[in-house]
Amino acid sequence: QVQLVESGGGLVQAGGSLRLSCAASGSITSTNTMAWHRQAPGKQRELVARIYYDGTTNYADSVKGRFTISRDNAKNTMYLQMNSLKPENTAVYYCFAIAAGRQYWGQGTQVTVSS
């Protein structure tokens, strides 16, 4: 089993920034793919950003230019730097990882952006 532990969520004003972290641990510590997903109230969970082991990234169109995903393979930790936050970014953000062909989810962390 792999455990994903998120941190960094909270309340921020519009235009502000937050940095989310996700640390993977457990019997499998090497991950091929990690990603951030989010789910706003009444909406489907959606992919925010994804990063592969080699550093290749993908972003949802709505966050391009404002969010940056990164990872530290030695620490098996992923980050999401969120700048210029908007109220519509309010959601529960979930860490996701694939290790040895299995998918894992974190518990989620609340990000609230006030106007």
Protein backbone atom coordinates (compact mmCIF):
# COMPACT_ATOMS: atom_id res chain seq x y z
CA GLN A 1 0.00 0.00 0.00
CA VAL A 2 0.97 3.59 -0.67
CA GLN A 3 -0.16 6.40 1.57
CA LEU A 4 -0.52 9.92 0.26
CA VAL A 5 -0.38 12.76 2.76
CA GLU A 6 -1.37 16.23 1.67
CA SER A 7 -0.62 19.55 3.30
CA GLY A 8 -0.80 23.24 2.51
CA GLY A 9 -4.50 23.80 1.99
CA GLY A 10 -6.32 26.64 3.63
CA LEU A 11 -8.08 29.94 3.18
CA VAL A 12 -6.65 32.63 0.94
CA GLN A 13 -7.92 35.83 -0.60
CA ALA A 14 -8.42 36.17 -4.33
CA GLY A 15 -5.13 36.94 -6.00
CA GLY A 16 -3.16 35.16 -3.33
CA SER A 17 -1.07 32.03 -3.42
CA LEU A 18 -0.89 28.63 -1.81
CA ARG A 19 1.51 25.74 -2.12
CA LEU A 20 0.19 22.23 -1.72
CA SER A 21 2.39 19.26 -0.93
CA CYS A 22 1.78 15.55 -1.25
CA ALA A 23 4.17 13.03 0.25
CA ALA A 24 3.96 9.39 -0.79
CA SER A 25 5.06 6.66 1.57
CA GLY A 26 4.50 2.98 2.28
CA SER A 27 5.59 -0.29 0.74
CA ILE A 28 6.00 1.34 -2.65
CA THR A 29 7.79 4.66 -2.64
CA SER A 30 8.59 5.12 -6.33
CA THR A 31 5.77 6.52 -8.42
CA ASN A 32 5.52 6.93 -12.16
CA THR A 33 2.73 9.46 -12.27
CA MET A 34 1.44 11.93 -9.72
CA ALA A 35 -1.35 14.42 -10.14
CA TRP A 36 -3.59 16.91 -8.45
CA HIS A 37 -7.33 16.67 -8.89
CA ARG A 38 -10.00 18.85 -7.39
CA GLN A 39 -13.70 18.71 -6.75
CA ALA A 40 -15.84 21.75 -6.17
CA PRO A 41 -19.28 21.48 -4.56
CA GLY A 42 -21.80 20.07 -7.01
CA LYS A 43 -19.19 19.40 -9.66
CA GLN A 44 -17.29 16.42 -10.99
CA ARG A 45 -13.77 15.77 -9.86
CA GLU A 46 -11.38 17.11 -12.45
CA LEU A 47 -7.72 16.88 -13.25
CA VAL A 48 -5.81 20.02 -12.33
CA ALA A 49 -2.25 19.06 -13.18
CA ARG A 50 -0.23 15.93 -13.74
CA ILE A 51 3.47 15.21 -13.61
CA TYR A 52 5.37 12.16 -14.72
CA TYR A 53 8.55 10.77 -13.24
CA ASP A 54 10.67 12.51 -15.87
CA GLY A 55 9.08 15.87 -15.08
CA THR A 56 6.72 16.07 -18.04
CA THR A 57 3.60 17.99 -17.06
CA ASN A 58 0.02 18.55 -18.14
CA TYR A 59 -2.35 21.25 -16.93
CA ALA A 60 -6.02 21.96 -17.14
CA ASP A 61 -6.59 24.93 -19.41
CA SER A 62 -8.14 26.89 -16.56
CA VAL A 63 -4.93 26.87 -14.50
CA LYS A 64 -2.26 27.22 -17.16
CA GLY A 65 0.06 30.08 -16.38
CA ARG A 66 -1.08 30.30 -12.76
CA PHE A 67 -0.38 26.87 -11.28
CA THR A 68 2.89 24.97 -11.37
CA ILE A 69 3.24 21.30 -10.56
CA SER A 70 6.59 19.84 -9.55
CA ARG A 71 8.03 16.81 -7.82
CA ASP A 72 11.05 15.78 -5.82
CA ASN A 73 11.69 12.15 -6.69
CA ALA A 74 14.21 11.66 -3.89
CA LYS A 75 11.55 12.66 -1.37
CA ASN A 76 8.72 11.11 -3.38
CA THR A 77 6.86 14.35 -2.90
CA MET A 78 4.76 16.40 -5.28
CA TYR A 79 3.90 20.07 -5.08
CA LEU A 80 1.37 22.42 -6.56
CA GLN A 81 2.21 26.10 -6.49
CA MET A 82 -1.01 28.03 -6.98
CA ASN A 83 -0.74 31.71 -7.81
CA SER A 84 -3.33 34.34 -8.70
CA LEU A 85 -6.02 32.28 -7.06
CA LYS A 86 -9.63 32.88 -7.97
CA PRO A 87 -12.82 32.11 -6.06
CA GLU A 88 -13.68 29.50 -8.67
CA ASN A 89 -10.56 27.59 -7.62
CA THR A 90 -12.26 26.79 -4.33
CA ALA A 91 -12.42 23.02 -4.05
CA VAL A 92 -11.11 19.98 -2.27
CA TYR A 93 -7.78 19.16 -3.83
CA TYR A 94 -6.76 15.52 -3.98
CA CYS A 95 -3.36 13.98 -4.44
CA PHE A 96 -3.22 11.08 -6.88
CA ALA A 97 -0.43 8.67 -7.67
CA ILE A 98 0.25 5.58 -9.70
CA ALA A 99 2.79 3.13 -8.33
CA ALA A 100 3.48 -0.34 -9.70
CA GLY A 101 0.36 -0.07 -11.81
CA ARG A 102 -1.95 0.74 -8.90
CA GLN A 103 -3.82 3.95 -8.28
CA TYR A 104 -3.87 5.79 -4.96
CA TRP A 105 -5.72 8.80 -3.64
CA GLY A 106 -5.08 11.10 -0.74
CA GLN A 107 -7.81 12.24 1.62
CA GLY A 108 -8.01 15.69 0.09
CA THR A 109 -7.29 19.15 1.40
CA GLN A 110 -9.65 22.09 1.31
CA VAL A 111 -8.66 25.19 -0.61
CA THR A 112 -10.95 28.14 -0.16
CA VAL A 113 -10.45 31.37 -2.08
CA SER A 114 -12.44 34.31 -0.82
CA SER A 115 -13.44 37.36 -2.83
